[in-house]
Amino acid sequence: MKKIKVGNGHIYLGKNDIGFAEYETFQIGGLQDSETFAKGGLARIIEHTKGPAIKLELISALSNYPRGISVEGFESSRVPIERVLNLSWESDWSVGGSRLYVNDISRGSGGYAFGVRK
């Protein structure tokens, strides 16, 4: 695995799109903008890149998700856990949605896909 310094920690990129991000490399909870998200370790392992996650930065841009990005369900644990990533948007666009959620599917979101509204 390749060890890459990100913020106060490291991400690790392996073969076959396998990666690991230390908690110190990305922001959990609250709202963040697309640039902050793309530079963080979680976005980088999703996109499997050493540098900022350019594609995710474009997808999560303010023009597509005006309420920002919220990363949830990746709080630290005392025991090893596998997490499956889910990207979804909040609510219905017509009733005030438009926030990109990046979370662990164990939170009950049902495995929604995500995209950009035209």
N, C-alpha and C. Protein backbone atom coordinates (compact mmCIF):
# COMPACT_ATOMS: atom_id res chain seq x y z
N MET A 1 0.84 -1.18 0.00
CA MET A 1 0.00 0.00 0.00
C MET A 1 0.88 1.25 0.00
N LYS A 2 0.40 2.29 -0.66
CA LYS A 2 1.11 3.57 -0.67
C LYS A 2 0.59 4.43 0.47
N LYS A 3 1.51 4.94 1.28
CA LYS A 3 1.18 5.80 2.42
C LYS A 3 1.33 7.26 1.97
N ILE A 4 0.26 8.06 2.13
CA ILE A 4 0.26 9.44 1.67
C ILE A 4 -0.18 10.34 2.81
N LYS A 5 0.61 11.38 3.08
CA LYS A 5 0.30 12.34 4.14
C LYS A 5 -0.88 13.21 3.70
N VAL A 6 -1.91 13.28 4.56
CA VAL A 6 -3.07 14.14 4.32
C VAL A 6 -3.43 14.78 5.65
N GLY A 7 -3.37 16.11 5.72
CA GLY A 7 -3.69 16.79 6.97
C GLY A 7 -2.83 16.30 8.11
N ASN A 8 -3.46 15.89 9.20
CA ASN A 8 -2.75 15.40 10.39
C ASN A 8 -2.59 13.89 10.42
N GLY A 9 -2.84 13.24 9.31
CA GLY A 9 -2.76 11.78 9.26
C GLY A 9 -2.30 11.29 7.90
N HIS A 10 -2.69 10.06 7.58
CA HIS A 10 -2.29 9.44 6.32
C HIS A 10 -3.46 8.68 5.71
N ILE A 11 -3.42 8.56 4.40
CA ILE A 11 -4.30 7.63 3.70
C ILE A 11 -3.40 6.55 3.11
N TYR A 12 -3.99 5.42 2.82
CA TYR A 12 -3.26 4.29 2.27
C TYR A 12 -4.01 3.80 1.05
N LEU A 13 -3.34 3.76 -0.10
CA LEU A 13 -3.95 3.31 -1.34
C LEU A 13 -3.32 1.99 -1.75
N GLY A 14 -4.16 0.99 -1.94
CA GLY A 14 -3.68 -0.33 -2.33
C GLY A 14 -4.15 -0.70 -3.72
N LYS A 15 -3.85 -1.90 -4.11
CA LYS A 15 -4.27 -2.41 -5.42
C LYS A 15 -5.77 -2.65 -5.43
N ASN A 16 -6.33 -2.73 -6.62
CA ASN A 16 -7.75 -3.05 -6.81
C ASN A 16 -8.68 -2.06 -6.09
N ASP A 17 -8.30 -0.79 -6.09
CA ASP A 17 -9.14 0.28 -5.52
C ASP A 17 -9.43 0.11 -4.03
N ILE A 18 -8.55 -0.54 -3.31
CA ILE A 18 -8.71 -0.68 -1.86
C ILE A 18 -7.96 0.47 -1.20
N GLY A 19 -8.60 1.09 -0.21
CA GLY A 19 -7.94 2.19 0.47
C GLY A 19 -8.39 2.31 1.91
N PHE A 20 -7.62 3.08 2.67
CA PHE A 20 -7.90 3.30 4.08
C PHE A 20 -7.56 4.75 4.39
N ALA A 21 -8.44 5.43 5.10
CA ALA A 21 -8.18 6.81 5.52
C ALA A 21 -8.24 6.88 7.03
N GLU A 22 -7.19 7.42 7.64
CA GLU A 22 -7.22 7.65 9.08
C GLU A 22 -8.25 8.75 9.38
N TYR A 23 -8.86 8.69 10.55
CA TYR A 23 -9.89 9.67 10.92
C TYR A 23 -9.39 11.10 10.85
N GLU A 24 -8.12 11.31 11.12
CA GLU A 24 -7.56 12.67 11.13
C GLU A 24 -7.47 13.29 9.74
N THR A 25 -7.76 12.51 8.69
CA THR A 25 -7.60 13.01 7.33
C THR A 25 -8.87 13.58 6.72
N PHE A 26 -10.01 13.46 7.41
CA PHE A 26 -11.24 14.00 6.84
C PHE A 26 -12.17 14.50 7.94
N GLN A 27 -13.07 15.38 7.55
CA GLN A 27 -14.00 16.02 8.48
C GLN A 27 -15.28 15.20 8.58
N ILE A 28 -15.73 14.92 9.79
CA ILE A 28 -16.97 14.18 10.03
C ILE A 28 -18.00 15.13 10.61
N GLY A 29 -19.24 14.99 10.16
CA GLY A 29 -20.34 15.81 10.69
C GLY A 29 -20.29 17.23 10.17
N GLY A 30 -21.29 18.00 10.52
CA GLY A 30 -21.35 19.39 10.07
C GLY A 30 -21.44 19.46 8.57
N LEU A 31 -21.26 20.65 8.05
CA LEU A 31 -21.26 20.83 6.60
C LEU A 31 -19.89 21.30 6.15
N GLN A 32 -19.52 20.89 4.96
CA GLN A 32 -18.26 21.33 4.38
C GLN A 32 -18.47 21.63 2.91
N ASP A 33 -17.56 22.40 2.33
CA ASP A 33 -17.67 22.72 0.91
C ASP A 33 -16.96 21.65 0.08
N SER A 34 -17.15 21.71 -1.22
CA SER A 34 -16.61 20.67 -2.10
C SER A 34 -15.08 20.64 -2.11
N GLU A 35 -14.43 21.78 -2.00
CA GLU A 35 -12.96 21.81 -2.00
C GLU A 35 -12.40 21.12 -0.75
N THR A 36 -12.98 21.43 0.41
CA THR A 36 -12.55 20.79 1.66
C THR A 36 -12.76 19.29 1.59
N PHE A 37 -13.93 18.87 1.12
CA PHE A 37 -14.24 17.45 0.98
C PHE A 37 -13.25 16.77 0.04
N ALA A 38 -12.99 17.37 -1.12
CA ALA A 38 -12.12 16.76 -2.14
C ALA A 38 -10.67 16.62 -1.67
N LYS A 39 -10.21 17.52 -0.80
CA LYS A 39 -8.84 17.45 -0.29
C LYS A 39 -8.70 16.45 0.86
N GLY A 40 -9.82 16.04 1.44
CA GLY A 40 -9.81 15.13 2.58
C GLY A 40 -9.52 13.69 2.18
N GLY A 41 -9.13 12.92 3.17
CA GLY A 41 -8.75 11.54 2.94
C GLY A 41 -9.88 10.64 2.46
N LEU A 42 -11.11 10.86 2.94
CA LEU A 42 -12.22 9.99 2.53
C LEU A 42 -12.50 10.13 1.04
N ALA A 43 -12.58 11.37 0.54
CA ALA A 43 -12.81 11.59 -0.89
C ALA A 43 -11.67 11.00 -1.72
N ARG A 44 -10.45 11.13 -1.23
CA ARG A 44 -9.30 10.61 -1.97
C ARG A 44 -9.33 9.10 -2.08
N ILE A 45 -9.75 8.40 -1.02
CA ILE A 45 -9.81 6.93 -1.16
C ILE A 45 -11.02 6.50 -1.98
N ILE A 46 -12.11 7.28 -1.96
CA ILE A 46 -13.25 6.96 -2.82
C ILE A 46 -12.82 7.04 -4.28
N GLU A 47 -12.11 8.12 -4.61
CA GLU A 47 -11.64 8.32 -5.98
C GLU A 47 -10.33 7.58 -6.26
N HIS A 48 -9.70 7.07 -5.22
CA HIS A 48 -8.44 6.33 -5.28
C HIS A 48 -7.35 7.17 -5.95
N THR A 49 -7.08 8.33 -5.35
CA THR A 49 -6.12 9.26 -5.90
C THR A 49 -5.18 9.80 -4.82
N LYS A 50 -3.94 10.08 -5.18
CA LYS A 50 -2.97 10.63 -4.25
C LYS A 50 -3.27 12.09 -3.93
N GLY A 51 -3.78 12.82 -4.92
CA GLY A 51 -4.08 14.24 -4.75
C GLY A 51 -5.56 14.45 -4.47
N PRO A 52 -6.01 15.70 -4.53
CA PRO A 52 -7.43 15.99 -4.31
C PRO A 52 -8.33 15.19 -5.27
N ALA A 53 -9.51 14.86 -4.81
CA ALA A 53 -10.48 14.08 -5.60
C ALA A 53 -11.22 15.02 -6.54
N ILE A 54 -10.64 15.27 -7.71
CA ILE A 54 -11.15 16.25 -8.66
C ILE A 54 -12.57 15.93 -9.13
N LYS A 55 -12.84 14.68 -9.44
CA LYS A 55 -14.19 14.32 -9.93
C LYS A 55 -15.23 14.54 -8.85
N LEU A 56 -14.93 14.14 -7.62
CA LEU A 56 -15.88 14.36 -6.52
C LEU A 56 -16.03 15.84 -6.20
N GLU A 57 -14.97 16.63 -6.39
CA GLU A 57 -15.09 18.07 -6.18
C GLU A 57 -16.06 18.67 -7.19
N LEU A 58 -15.98 18.24 -8.44
CA LEU A 58 -16.90 18.74 -9.46
C LEU A 58 -18.33 18.30 -9.18
N ILE A 59 -18.51 17.05 -8.84
CA ILE A 59 -19.86 16.53 -8.55
C ILE A 59 -20.48 17.24 -7.36
N SER A 60 -19.67 17.46 -6.31
CA SER A 60 -20.21 18.03 -5.07
C SER A 60 -20.19 19.56 -5.03
N ALA A 61 -19.95 20.18 -6.17
CA ALA A 61 -19.86 21.65 -6.25
C ALA A 61 -21.14 22.31 -5.72
N LEU A 62 -20.98 23.53 -5.25
CA LEU A 62 -22.08 24.32 -4.71
C LEU A 62 -23.25 24.44 -5.69
N SER A 63 -22.94 24.49 -6.98
CA SER A 63 -24.01 24.60 -7.98
C SER A 63 -24.87 23.34 -8.04
N ASN A 64 -24.32 22.20 -7.65
CA ASN A 64 -25.08 20.94 -7.63
C ASN A 64 -25.69 20.64 -6.27
N TYR A 65 -24.97 20.97 -5.21
CA TYR A 65 -25.41 20.71 -3.84
C TYR A 65 -25.27 21.99 -3.02
N PRO A 66 -26.21 22.94 -3.19
CA PRO A 66 -26.08 24.25 -2.55
C PRO A 66 -26.03 24.22 -1.02
N ARG A 67 -26.47 23.15 -0.40
CA ARG A 67 -26.43 23.08 1.07
C ARG A 67 -25.17 22.39 1.57
N GLY A 68 -24.24 22.05 0.68
CA GLY A 68 -22.96 21.50 1.08
C GLY A 68 -22.91 19.99 1.19
N ILE A 69 -21.87 19.51 1.83
CA ILE A 69 -21.61 18.07 2.00
C ILE A 69 -21.58 17.74 3.48
N SER A 70 -22.20 16.63 3.84
CA SER A 70 -22.21 16.17 5.22
C SER A 70 -21.67 14.73 5.24
N VAL A 71 -20.61 14.50 6.00
CA VAL A 71 -20.03 13.16 6.14
C VAL A 71 -20.48 12.62 7.49
N GLU A 72 -21.18 11.50 7.47
CA GLU A 72 -21.73 10.92 8.70
C GLU A 72 -21.52 9.42 8.74
N GLY A 73 -21.55 8.85 9.92
CA GLY A 73 -21.48 7.40 10.08
C GLY A 73 -20.07 6.84 10.06
N PHE A 74 -19.06 7.70 10.11
CA PHE A 74 -17.68 7.23 10.11
C PHE A 74 -16.99 7.59 11.41
N GLU A 75 -17.76 7.65 12.48
CA GLU A 75 -17.19 7.96 13.79
C GLU A 75 -16.25 6.82 14.20
N SER A 76 -15.27 7.15 15.05
CA SER A 76 -14.28 6.15 15.43
C SER A 76 -14.91 5.00 16.21
N SER A 77 -14.24 3.87 16.16
CA SER A 77 -14.73 2.66 16.81
C SER A 77 -13.57 2.01 17.57
N ARG A 78 -13.89 1.30 18.63
CA ARG A 78 -12.86 0.60 19.40
C ARG A 78 -12.55 -0.78 18.83
N VAL A 79 -13.40 -1.25 17.92
CA VAL A 79 -13.19 -2.55 17.29
C VAL A 79 -13.15 -2.36 15.77
N PRO A 80 -12.43 -3.23 15.06
CA PRO A 80 -12.39 -3.11 13.60
C PRO A 80 -13.78 -3.29 12.99
N ILE A 81 -14.12 -2.43 12.04
CA ILE A 81 -15.41 -2.53 11.35
C ILE A 81 -15.17 -2.28 9.87
N GLU A 82 -15.89 -3.00 9.03
CA GLU A 82 -15.90 -2.69 7.61
C GLU A 82 -17.07 -1.76 7.38
N ARG A 83 -16.87 -0.74 6.59
CA ARG A 83 -17.95 0.20 6.28
C ARG A 83 -18.14 0.22 4.78
N VAL A 84 -19.40 0.26 4.37
CA VAL A 84 -19.73 0.38 2.96
C VAL A 84 -20.22 1.79 2.74
N LEU A 85 -19.66 2.46 1.78
CA LEU A 85 -19.95 3.86 1.53
C LEU A 85 -21.26 4.04 0.77
N ASN A 86 -21.99 5.06 1.14
CA ASN A 86 -23.23 5.43 0.47
C ASN A 86 -23.17 6.92 0.19
N LEU A 87 -23.45 7.31 -1.04
CA LEU A 87 -23.56 8.72 -1.39
C LEU A 87 -25.02 8.97 -1.75
N SER A 88 -25.64 9.91 -1.11
CA SER A 88 -27.05 10.18 -1.38
C SER A 88 -27.33 11.66 -1.21
N TRP A 89 -28.50 12.08 -1.60
CA TRP A 89 -28.88 13.47 -1.40
C TRP A 89 -30.04 13.52 -0.46
N GLU A 90 -30.17 14.62 0.25
CA GLU A 90 -31.20 14.76 1.27
C GLU A 90 -32.55 15.06 0.64
N SER A 91 -33.55 14.33 1.05
CA SER A 91 -34.95 14.65 0.75
C SER A 91 -35.20 14.75 -0.74
N ASP A 92 -36.25 15.42 -1.10
CA ASP A 92 -36.67 15.64 -2.48
C ASP A 92 -36.20 17.03 -2.88
N TRP A 93 -35.67 17.18 -4.07
CA TRP A 93 -35.18 18.49 -4.52
C TRP A 93 -36.26 19.55 -4.39
N SER A 94 -37.52 19.17 -4.60
CA SER A 94 -38.60 20.16 -4.60
C SER A 94 -39.00 20.61 -3.19
N VAL A 95 -38.55 19.91 -2.16
CA VAL A 95 -38.93 20.29 -0.80
C VAL A 95 -37.71 20.60 0.07
N GLY A 96 -36.69 21.19 -0.54
CA GLY A 96 -35.57 21.68 0.26
C GLY A 96 -34.41 20.74 0.43
N GLY A 97 -34.24 19.76 -0.43
CA GLY A 97 -33.11 18.85 -0.34
C GLY A 97 -31.84 19.56 -0.73
N SER A 98 -31.04 18.96 -1.54
CA SER A 98 -29.84 19.53 -2.14
C SER A 98 -28.60 19.54 -1.27
N ARG A 99 -28.50 18.61 -0.33
CA ARG A 99 -27.26 18.43 0.44
C ARG A 99 -26.72 17.04 0.10
N LEU A 100 -25.44 16.95 -0.20
CA LEU A 100 -24.82 15.66 -0.47
C LEU A 100 -24.45 15.01 0.84
N TYR A 101 -24.94 13.80 1.07
CA TYR A 101 -24.58 13.02 2.26
C TYR A 101 -23.61 11.93 1.85
N VAL A 102 -22.52 11.81 2.57
CA VAL A 102 -21.57 10.73 2.40
C VAL A 102 -21.63 9.96 3.71
N ASN A 103 -22.16 8.72 3.66
CA ASN A 103 -22.33 8.01 4.92
C ASN A 103 -22.18 6.51 4.77
N ASP A 104 -22.23 5.85 5.90
CA ASP A 104 -22.13 4.41 6.03
C ASP A 104 -23.55 3.85 5.89
N ILE A 105 -23.76 2.86 5.01
CA ILE A 105 -25.12 2.39 4.77
C ILE A 105 -25.77 1.75 5.99
N SER A 106 -25.00 1.46 7.03
CA SER A 106 -25.60 0.89 8.23
C SER A 106 -26.50 1.91 8.93
N ARG A 107 -26.45 3.17 8.50
CA ARG A 107 -27.29 4.21 9.09
C ARG A 107 -28.72 4.15 8.56
N GLY A 108 -29.03 3.19 7.68
CA GLY A 108 -30.41 2.99 7.25
C GLY A 108 -30.86 3.83 6.07
N SER A 109 -29.94 4.33 5.27
CA SER A 109 -30.36 5.17 4.16
C SER A 109 -30.77 4.38 2.92
N GLY A 110 -30.63 3.09 2.93
CA GLY A 110 -31.17 2.26 1.87
C GLY A 110 -30.32 2.09 0.63
N GLY A 111 -29.11 2.60 0.61
CA GLY A 111 -28.23 2.37 -0.52
C GLY A 111 -28.54 3.21 -1.75
N TYR A 112 -28.99 4.44 -1.58
CA TYR A 112 -29.29 5.29 -2.69
C TYR A 112 -28.06 5.61 -3.52
N ALA A 113 -28.28 5.86 -4.78
CA ALA A 113 -27.20 6.34 -5.65
C ALA A 113 -27.19 7.86 -5.56
N PHE A 114 -26.29 8.50 -6.27
CA PHE A 114 -26.27 9.97 -6.27
C PHE A 114 -25.87 10.45 -7.63
N GLY A 115 -26.06 11.72 -7.88
CA GLY A 115 -25.68 12.27 -9.17
C GLY A 115 -25.86 13.77 -9.18
N VAL A 116 -25.83 14.32 -10.36
CA VAL A 116 -25.96 15.76 -10.55
C VAL A 116 -27.25 16.04 -11.28
N ARG A 117 -28.04 16.95 -10.74
CA ARG A 117 -29.31 17.32 -11.35
C ARG A 117 -29.06 18.35 -12.44
N LYS A 118 -29.66 18.15 -13.60
CA LYS A 118 -29.52 19.12 -14.69
C LYS A 118 -30.71 20.05 -14.71
